[in-house]
Amino acid sequence: MKKYLLATVAFAALGTATSAFAADLAPRPYTKAPPMMVAVYDWTGFYIGANGGYASARKNWNYLGPLAPGDEGSHDADGGVFGGQIGYNWQSASWVFGLEAQGDWADLTGSNVSNRFPLFTNRSKVDALGLFTGRVGYAWNNTMLYVKGGAAVANDKYNYFPTATGVTTNSASETRWGATVGVGLEYGFTPNWSFGVEYDHIFMGRRDIAFTPGPAPVIDSIRQDVDMITARINYRWGGPVVARY
């Protein structure tokens, strides 16, 4: 009986000592959880890519001589375009600034029967287009809306022929410079790859074109504007993702 009594007293004493030791310990400090890191897409860097789509060149022909001048009418030279682009982006906060050069092979063709000479048909072809532009965009993480503007160049070919035979009588060609404005939407679907769509309007103005051969040059004043829409894919080098708190 004494052994049980001694054991009970011993356990009671041990419990009292443990409680007193716990009371002497300092309270556990509160540690604030570290802020979460958010991955932010970074558009900065050099990029190269490919594009393809559709374009339409509006051509207005106005005969200047050597006979009496007169309007020859208009036609659309339509077709596909395919090419590539290279450029550089620099991002500051949500704004993205850049420079880009784009070159495309084109197959834009069209024709119309001349109003001034109804027995003849006028035909146009654009076989190359180039754009040299600056870009300004606004990014929502990996989605960017941008506008662009700058210089444009086109390689044009012209000919006319008797409608009944289809055999070319006279022809001409030129490299024509103008201006362009455009708008696009681009989406980064991986840290370095992005996909986009873009619309460009190209102002080519009016030029006097001399057709040869012949005893005297046949001159037409030809006005041209181009509308182009393309799908684009780019690969970019640079810091693709930035961790921000």
C-alpha atoms as a PDB file:
ATOM      1  CA  MET A   1       0.000   0.000   0.000  1.00  0.00           C
ATOM      2  CA  LYS A   2       2.883   2.341   0.805  1.00  0.00           C
ATOM      3  CA  LYS A   3       4.402   1.669  -2.649  1.00  0.00           C
ATOM      4  CA  TYR A   4       1.210   2.779  -4.428  1.00  0.00           C
ATOM      5  CA  LEU A   5       0.983   5.876  -2.244  1.00  0.00           C
ATOM      6  CA  LEU A   6       4.602   6.807  -3.016  1.00  0.00           C
ATOM      7  CA  ALA A   7       4.065   6.283  -6.769  1.00  0.00           C
ATOM      8  CA  THR A   8       0.988   8.540  -6.766  1.00  0.00           C
ATOM      9  CA  VAL A   9       2.850  11.294  -4.925  1.00  0.00           C
ATOM     10  CA  ALA A  10       5.769  11.015  -7.382  1.00  0.00           C
ATOM     11  CA  PHE A  11       3.545  11.380 -10.513  1.00  0.00           C
ATOM     12  CA  ALA A  12       1.755  14.356  -8.947  1.00  0.00           C
ATOM     13  CA  ALA A  13       5.071  16.058  -8.210  1.00  0.00           C
ATOM     14  CA  LEU A  14       6.299  15.416 -11.774  1.00  0.00           C
ATOM     15  CA  GLY A  15       3.133  16.956 -13.283  1.00  0.00           C
ATOM     16  CA  THR A  16       3.466  20.058 -11.104  1.00  0.00           C
ATOM     17  CA  ALA A  17       7.108  20.517 -12.134  1.00  0.00           C
ATOM     18  CA  THR A  18       6.280  20.141 -15.850  1.00  0.00           C
ATOM     19  CA  SER A  19       3.500  22.759 -15.626  1.00  0.00           C
ATOM     20  CA  ALA A  20       5.811  25.195 -13.861  1.00  0.00           C
ATOM     21  CA  PHE A  21       8.532  24.684 -16.547  1.00  0.00           C
ATOM     22  CA  ALA A  22       6.025  25.283 -19.385  1.00  0.00           C
ATOM     23  CA  ALA A  23       4.794  28.449 -17.664  1.00  0.00           C
ATOM     24  CA  ASP A  24       8.374  29.762 -17.586  1.00  0.00           C
ATOM     25  CA  LEU A  25       8.816  29.357 -21.398  1.00  0.00           C
ATOM     26  CA  ALA A  26       8.382  32.461 -23.609  1.00  0.00           C
ATOM     27  CA  PRO A  27       5.344  32.473 -25.964  1.00  0.00           C
ATOM     28  CA  ARG A  28       6.034  31.186 -29.500  1.00  0.00           C
ATOM     29  CA  PRO A  29       6.819  34.164 -31.825  1.00  0.00           C
ATOM     30  CA  TYR A  30       4.458  34.914 -34.802  1.00  0.00           C
ATOM     31  CA  THR A  31       6.151  34.743 -38.168  1.00  0.00           C
ATOM     32  CA  LYS A  32       4.482  36.449 -41.160  1.00  0.00           C
ATOM     33  CA  ALA A  33       4.204  34.236 -44.237  1.00  0.00           C
ATOM     34  CA  PRO A  34       6.471  35.383 -47.106  1.00  0.00           C
ATOM     35  CA  PRO A  35       4.664  37.175 -49.942  1.00  0.00           C
ATOM     36  CA  MET A  36       3.732  35.099 -52.961  1.00  0.00           C
ATOM     37  CA  MET A  37       5.850  35.443 -56.104  1.00  0.00           C
ATOM     38  CA  VAL A  38       3.922  36.174 -59.301  1.00  0.00           C
ATOM     39  CA  ALA A  39       5.403  35.218 -62.678  1.00  0.00           C
ATOM     40  CA  VAL A  40       5.153  38.238 -65.025  1.00  0.00           C
ATOM     41  CA  TYR A  41       5.679  37.814 -68.770  1.00  0.00           C
ATOM     42  CA  ASP A  42       8.528  39.906 -70.144  1.00  0.00           C
ATOM     43  CA  TRP A  43       8.369  40.977 -73.827  1.00  0.00           C
ATOM     44  CA  THR A  44      11.919  42.347 -73.909  1.00  0.00           C
ATOM     45  CA  GLY A  45      14.315  40.788 -76.412  1.00  0.00           C
ATOM     46  CA  PHE A  46      15.129  40.091 -80.043  1.00  0.00           C
ATOM     47  CA  TYR A  47      12.663  37.986 -82.005  1.00  0.00           C
ATOM     48  CA  ILE A  48      12.304  36.341 -85.392  1.00  0.00           C
ATOM     49  CA  GLY A  49       9.223  34.798 -86.934  1.00  0.00           C
ATOM     50  CA  ALA A  50       7.042  33.922 -89.895  1.00  0.00           C
ATOM     51  CA  ASN A  51       3.755  35.285 -91.189  1.00  0.00           C
ATOM     52  CA  GLY A  52       1.156  34.463 -93.812  1.00  0.00           C
ATOM     53  CA  GLY A  53      -2.209  35.755 -94.881  1.00  0.00           C
ATOM     54  CA  TYR A  54      -4.163  37.729 -97.470  1.00  0.00           C
ATOM     55  CA  ALA A  55      -3.778  41.142 -99.099  1.00  0.00           C
ATOM     56  CA  SER A  56      -5.674  43.290-101.572  1.00  0.00           C
ATOM     57  CA  ALA A  57      -4.168  46.151-103.607  1.00  0.00           C
ATOM     58  CA  ARG A  58      -6.593  48.720-105.020  1.00  0.00           C
ATOM     59  CA  LYS A  59      -5.311  49.969-108.414  1.00  0.00           C
ATOM     60  CA  ASN A  60      -6.690  53.003-110.221  1.00  0.00           C
ATOM     61  CA  TRP A  61      -5.410  53.612-113.775  1.00  0.00           C
ATOM     62  CA  ASN A  62      -5.610  57.038-115.414  1.00  0.00           C
ATOM     63  CA  TYR A  63      -4.300  57.312-119.004  1.00  0.00           C
ATOM     64  CA  LEU A  64      -2.105  60.393-119.618  1.00  0.00           C
ATOM     65  CA  GLY A  65      -0.988  60.058-123.255  1.00  0.00           C
ATOM     66  CA  PRO A  66       0.175  60.289-125.947  1.00  0.00           C
ATOM     67  CA  LEU A  67      -3.529  60.380-127.000  1.00  0.00           C
ATOM     68  CA  ALA A  68      -6.224  62.326-125.167  1.00  0.00           C
ATOM     69  CA  PRO A  69      -6.107  61.554-121.412  1.00  0.00           C
ATOM     70  CA  GLY A  70      -8.937  59.659-119.751  1.00  0.00           C
ATOM     71  CA  ASP A  71      -9.876  57.435-116.810  1.00  0.00           C
ATOM     72  CA  GLU A  72      -9.241  53.734-117.422  1.00  0.00           C
ATOM     73  CA  GLY A  73     -11.008  52.439-114.318  1.00  0.00           C
ATOM     74  CA  SER A  74      -9.920  50.435-111.285  1.00  0.00           C
ATOM     75  CA  HIS A  75      -9.438  46.871-110.109  1.00  0.00           C
ATOM     76  CA  ASP A  76      -8.340  44.959-107.004  1.00  0.00           C
ATOM     77  CA  ALA A  77      -5.201  42.830-107.148  1.00  0.00           C
ATOM     78  CA  ASP A  78      -5.860  40.128-104.549  1.00  0.00           C
ATOM     79  CA  GLY A  79      -3.987  37.096-103.281  1.00  0.00           C
ATOM     80  CA  GLY A  80      -1.843  35.491-100.641  1.00  0.00           C
ATOM     81  CA  VAL A  81       1.274  36.724 -98.854  1.00  0.00           C
ATOM     82  CA  PHE A  82       3.929  34.762 -96.969  1.00  0.00           C
ATOM     83  CA  GLY A  83       7.166  35.836 -95.365  1.00  0.00           C
ATOM     84  CA  GLY A  84       8.993  36.650 -92.158  1.00  0.00           C
ATOM     85  CA  GLN A  85       9.831  39.376 -89.670  1.00  0.00           C
ATOM     86  CA  ILE A  86      12.651  40.261 -87.303  1.00  0.00           C
ATOM     87  CA  GLY A  87      12.642  42.827 -84.541  1.00  0.00           C
ATOM     88  CA  TYR A  88      13.406  43.922 -80.995  1.00  0.00           C
ATOM     89  CA  ASN A  89      11.083  44.730 -78.070  1.00  0.00           C
ATOM     90  CA  TRP A  90      11.855  46.728 -74.945  1.00  0.00           C
ATOM     91  CA  GLN A  91       9.361  46.665 -72.063  1.00  0.00           C
ATOM     92  CA  SER A  92       8.928  49.355 -69.404  1.00  0.00           C
ATOM     93  CA  ALA A  93       6.181  48.524 -66.870  1.00  0.00           C
ATOM     94  CA  SER A  94       3.222  47.552 -69.076  1.00  0.00           C
ATOM     95  CA  TRP A  95       4.415  49.489 -72.146  1.00  0.00           C
ATOM     96  CA  VAL A  96       6.317  47.735 -74.915  1.00  0.00           C
ATOM     97  CA  PHE A  97       8.360  49.605 -77.545  1.00  0.00           C
ATOM     98  CA  GLY A  98       9.954  48.026 -80.577  1.00  0.00           C
ATOM     99  CA  LEU A  99      11.377  48.116 -84.099  1.00  0.00           C
ATOM    100  CA  GLU A 100      10.560  45.575 -86.812  1.00  0.00           C
ATOM    101  CA  ALA A 101      11.418  44.718 -90.420  1.00  0.00           C
ATOM    102  CA  GLN A 102       9.044  42.489 -92.385  1.00  0.00           C
ATOM    103  CA  GLY A 103       9.336  41.036 -95.882  1.00  0.00           C
ATOM    104  CA  ASP A 104       6.713  39.036 -97.799  1.00  0.00           C
ATOM    105  CA  TRP A 105       6.451  37.246-101.095  1.00  0.00           C
ATOM    106  CA  ALA A 106       3.101  38.108-102.659  1.00  0.00           C
ATOM    107  CA  ASP A 107       0.864  36.936-105.461  1.00  0.00           C
ATOM    108  CA  LEU A 108      -1.626  39.793-105.799  1.00  0.00           C
ATOM    109  CA  THR A 109      -3.168  39.934-109.274  1.00  0.00           C
ATOM    110  CA  GLY A 110      -6.146  41.702-110.818  1.00  0.00           C
ATOM    111  CA  SER A 111      -7.400  43.264-114.057  1.00  0.00           C
ATOM    112  CA  ASN A 112     -10.171  45.305-115.639  1.00  0.00           C
ATOM    113  CA  VAL A 113     -11.308  46.249-119.135  1.00  0.00           C
ATOM    114  CA  SER A 114     -10.144  49.808-119.860  1.00  0.00           C
ATOM    115  CA  ASN A 115     -12.822  52.511-119.770  1.00  0.00           C
ATOM    116  CA  ARG A 116     -10.748  54.645-122.120  1.00  0.00           C
ATOM    117  CA  PHE A 117      -9.872  51.809-124.550  1.00  0.00           C
ATOM    118  CA  PRO A 118     -12.637  49.188-124.281  1.00  0.00           C
ATOM    119  CA  LEU A 119     -10.844  46.688-126.531  1.00  0.00           C
ATOM    120  CA  PHE A 120      -7.935  46.463-124.072  1.00  0.00           C
ATOM    121  CA  THR A 121      -7.538  44.989-120.591  1.00  0.00           C
ATOM    122  CA  ASN A 122      -5.228  46.410-117.898  1.00  0.00           C
ATOM    123  CA  ARG A 123      -3.563  43.990-115.489  1.00  0.00           C
ATOM    124  CA  SER A 124      -1.556  44.505-112.278  1.00  0.00           C
ATOM    125  CA  LYS A 125       0.553  42.250-110.076  1.00  0.00           C
ATOM    126  CA  VAL A 126       2.287  42.803-106.720  1.00  0.00           C
ATOM    127  CA  ASP A 127       4.924  40.123-106.099  1.00  0.00           C
ATOM    128  CA  ALA A 128       6.683  41.464-102.971  1.00  0.00           C
ATOM    129  CA  LEU A 129       5.950  43.707 -99.975  1.00  0.00           C
ATOM    130  CA  GLY A 130       8.179  45.083 -97.222  1.00  0.00           C
ATOM    131  CA  LEU A 131       7.459  46.994 -93.988  1.00  0.00           C
ATOM    132  CA  PHE A 132       9.931  48.876 -91.770  1.00  0.00           C
ATOM    133  CA  THR A 133       8.115  50.040 -88.665  1.00  0.00           C
ATOM    134  CA  GLY A 134       8.198  51.160 -85.071  1.00  0.00           C
ATOM    135  CA  ARG A 135       5.777  49.583 -82.599  1.00  0.00           C
ATOM    136  CA  VAL A 136       4.134  50.724 -79.357  1.00  0.00           C
ATOM    137  CA  GLY A 137       2.158  48.202 -77.339  1.00  0.00           C
ATOM    138  CA  TYR A 138       0.422  47.749 -74.002  1.00  0.00           C
ATOM    139  CA  ALA A 139       0.779  44.366 -72.304  1.00  0.00           C
ATOM    140  CA  TRP A 140      -1.524  42.561 -69.915  1.00  0.00           C
ATOM    141  CA  ASN A 141       1.068  39.999 -68.767  1.00  0.00           C
ATOM    142  CA  ASN A 142       1.368  37.635 -71.805  1.00  0.00           C
ATOM    143  CA  THR A 143      -1.192  39.453 -74.005  1.00  0.00           C
ATOM    144  CA  MET A 144      -0.178  42.577 -75.917  1.00  0.00           C
ATOM    145  CA  LEU A 145      -2.164  45.020 -78.069  1.00  0.00           C
ATOM    146  CA  TYR A 146       0.001  47.251 -80.266  1.00  0.00           C
ATOM    147  CA  VAL A 147       0.000  49.827 -83.033  1.00  0.00           C
ATOM    148  CA  LYS A 148       2.754  50.290 -85.608  1.00  0.00           C
ATOM    149  CA  GLY A 149       3.760  52.696 -88.339  1.00  0.00           C
ATOM    150  CA  GLY A 150       6.587  53.467 -90.728  1.00  0.00           C
ATOM    151  CA  ALA A 151       7.765  52.918 -94.298  1.00  0.00           C
ATOM    152  CA  ALA A 152       6.583  50.369 -96.856  1.00  0.00           C
ATOM    153  CA  VAL A 153       7.835  49.152-100.226  1.00  0.00           C
ATOM    154  CA  ALA A 154       6.182  47.109-102.989  1.00  0.00           C
ATOM    155  CA  ASN A 155       7.392  45.519-106.211  1.00  0.00           C
ATOM    156  CA  ASP A 156       4.748  46.094-108.929  1.00  0.00           C
ATOM    157  CA  LYS A 157       4.312  44.782-112.450  1.00  0.00           C
ATOM    158  CA  TYR A 158       1.838  46.068-115.059  1.00  0.00           C
ATOM    159  CA  ASN A 159       0.787  45.129-118.542  1.00  0.00           C
ATOM    160  CA  TYR A 160      -2.088  45.625-120.945  1.00  0.00           C
ATOM    161  CA  PHE A 161      -3.285  43.512-123.864  1.00  0.00           C
ATOM    162  CA  PRO A 162      -6.093  43.183-126.418  1.00  0.00           C
ATOM    163  CA  THR A 163      -8.929  41.494-124.542  1.00  0.00           C
ATOM    164  CA  ALA A 164      -9.652  39.215-127.517  1.00  0.00           C
ATOM    165  CA  THR A 165      -6.147  37.739-127.703  1.00  0.00           C
ATOM    166  CA  GLY A 166      -4.726  38.024-124.169  1.00  0.00           C
ATOM    167  CA  VAL A 167      -1.276  38.665-125.660  1.00  0.00           C
ATOM    168  CA  THR A 168       0.676  41.409-123.841  1.00  0.00           C
ATOM    169  CA  THR A 169       1.154  44.572-125.894  1.00  0.00           C
ATOM    170  CA  ASN A 170       3.098  46.772-123.443  1.00  0.00           C
ATOM    171  CA  SER A 171       4.436  46.257-119.916  1.00  0.00           C
ATOM    172  CA  ALA A 172       6.137  48.101-117.060  1.00  0.00           C
ATOM    173  CA  SER A 173       7.471  47.475-113.565  1.00  0.00           C
ATOM    174  CA  GLU A 174       8.510  49.547-110.564  1.00  0.00           C
ATOM    175  CA  THR A 175       9.628  49.475-106.943  1.00  0.00           C
ATOM    176  CA  ARG A 176       7.289  51.816-105.093  1.00  0.00           C
ATOM    177  CA  TRP A 177       7.842  53.296-101.628  1.00  0.00           C
ATOM    178  CA  GLY A 178       5.096  54.524 -99.335  1.00  0.00           C
ATOM    179  CA  ALA A 179       3.913  54.515 -95.723  1.00  0.00           C
ATOM    180  CA  THR A 180       2.036  52.081 -93.517  1.00  0.00           C
ATOM    181  CA  VAL A 181       0.027  51.983 -90.287  1.00  0.00           C
ATOM    182  CA  GLY A 182      -1.195  48.873 -88.537  1.00  0.00           C
ATOM    183  CA  VAL A 183      -2.621  47.284 -85.400  1.00  0.00           C
ATOM    184  CA  GLY A 184      -2.068  43.842 -83.912  1.00  0.00           C
ATOM    185  CA  LEU A 185      -2.766  41.505 -81.011  1.00  0.00           C
ATOM    186  CA  GLU A 186      -0.069  39.104 -79.778  1.00  0.00           C
ATOM    187  CA  TYR A 187      -0.292  36.311 -77.199  1.00  0.00           C
ATOM    188  CA  GLY A 188       2.659  34.583 -75.527  1.00  0.00           C
ATOM    189  CA  PHE A 189       1.722  30.923 -75.221  1.00  0.00           C
ATOM    190  CA  THR A 190       5.134  29.850 -73.851  1.00  0.00           C
ATOM    191  CA  PRO A 191       7.940  31.919 -72.265  1.00  0.00           C
ATOM    192  CA  ASN A 192       9.612  32.432 -75.682  1.00  0.00           C
ATOM    193  CA  TRP A 193       6.930  31.694 -78.314  1.00  0.00           C
ATOM    194  CA  SER A 194       4.077  34.021 -79.237  1.00  0.00           C
ATOM    195  CA  PHE A 195       1.259  34.034 -81.776  1.00  0.00           C
ATOM    196  CA  GLY A 196      -0.561  37.049 -83.189  1.00  0.00           C
ATOM    197  CA  VAL A 197      -2.778  38.568 -85.832  1.00  0.00           C
ATOM    198  CA  GLU A 198      -2.096  41.905 -87.544  1.00  0.00           C
ATOM    199  CA  TYR A 199      -3.814  44.300 -89.940  1.00  0.00           C
ATOM    200  CA  ASP A 200      -1.835  46.823 -92.014  1.00  0.00           C
ATOM    201  CA  HIS A 201      -2.928  49.551 -94.410  1.00  0.00           C
ATOM    202  CA  ILE A 202      -0.256  50.608 -96.890  1.00  0.00           C
ATOM    203  CA  PHE A 203      -0.391  54.012 -98.600  1.00  0.00           C
ATOM    204  CA  MET A 204       1.427  53.831-101.941  1.00  0.00           C
ATOM    205  CA  GLY A 205       0.160  57.036-103.519  1.00  0.00           C
ATOM    206  CA  ARG A 206       0.043  57.782-107.248  1.00  0.00           C
ATOM    207  CA  ARG A 207       2.911  57.336-109.729  1.00  0.00           C
ATOM    208  CA  ASP A 208       3.316  57.939-113.475  1.00  0.00           C
ATOM    209  CA  ILE A 209       4.262  54.683-115.214  1.00  0.00           C
ATOM    210  CA  ALA A 210       5.769  54.518-118.723  1.00  0.00           C
ATOM    211  CA  PHE A 211       4.908  51.364-120.701  1.00  0.00           C
ATOM    212  CA  THR A 212       7.280  49.954-123.330  1.00  0.00           C
ATOM    213  CA  PRO A 213       7.966  48.945-126.076  1.00  0.00           C
ATOM    214  CA  GLY A 214       6.474  51.245-128.712  1.00  0.00           C
ATOM    215  CA  PRO A 215       7.354  54.213-130.894  1.00  0.00           C
ATOM    216  CA  ALA A 216       6.259  56.522-128.065  1.00  0.00           C
ATOM    217  CA  PRO A 217       5.889  55.669-124.352  1.00  0.00           C
ATOM    218  CA  VAL A 218       2.331  55.049-123.174  1.00  0.00           C
ATOM    219  CA  ILE A 219       1.962  56.717-119.780  1.00  0.00           C
ATOM    220  CA  ASP A 220      -0.569  55.886-117.096  1.00  0.00           C
ATOM    221  CA  SER A 221      -0.897  57.478-113.676  1.00  0.00           C
ATOM    222  CA  ILE A 222      -1.566  54.552-111.303  1.00  0.00           C
ATOM    223  CA  ARG A 223      -2.731  54.951-107.728  1.00  0.00           C
ATOM    224  CA  GLN A 224      -2.299  52.111-105.228  1.00  0.00           C
ATOM    225  CA  ASP A 225      -3.326  51.270-101.645  1.00  0.00           C
ATOM    226  CA  VAL A 226      -2.919  47.867 -99.989  1.00  0.00           C
ATOM    227  CA  ASP A 227      -4.831  46.223 -97.140  1.00  0.00           C
ATOM    228  CA  MET A 228      -3.117  43.214 -95.566  1.00  0.00           C
ATOM    229  CA  ILE A 229      -4.063  40.856 -92.736  1.00  0.00           C
ATOM    230  CA  THR A 230      -1.643  38.203 -91.481  1.00  0.00           C
ATOM    231  CA  ALA A 231      -1.241  35.558 -88.807  1.00  0.00           C
ATOM    232  CA  ARG A 232       2.193  35.632 -87.183  1.00  0.00           C
ATOM    233  CA  ILE A 233       4.356  33.410 -84.985  1.00  0.00           C
ATOM    234  CA  ASN A 234       7.520  34.645 -83.243  1.00  0.00           C
ATOM    235  CA  TYR A 235      10.378  33.187 -81.236  1.00  0.00           C
ATOM    236  CA  ARG A 236      11.979  35.640 -78.816  1.00  0.00           C
ATOM    237  CA  TRP A 237      15.353  35.626 -77.043  1.00  0.00           C
ATOM    238  CA  GLY A 238      15.595  37.389 -73.704  1.00  0.00           C
ATOM    239  CA  GLY A 239      14.263  37.227 -70.162  1.00  0.00           C
ATOM    240  CA  PRO A 240      10.912  35.485 -70.735  1.00  0.00           C
ATOM    241  CA  VAL A 241       9.533  35.532 -67.159  1.00  0.00           C
ATOM    242  CA  VAL A 242      10.226  37.914 -64.241  1.00  0.00           C
ATOM    243  CA  ALA A 243       9.303  36.990 -60.659  1.00  0.00           C
ATOM    244  CA  ARG A 244       7.618  39.871 -58.847  1.00  0.00           C
ATOM    245  CA  TYR A 245       6.157  40.138 -55.341  1.00  0.00           C
END
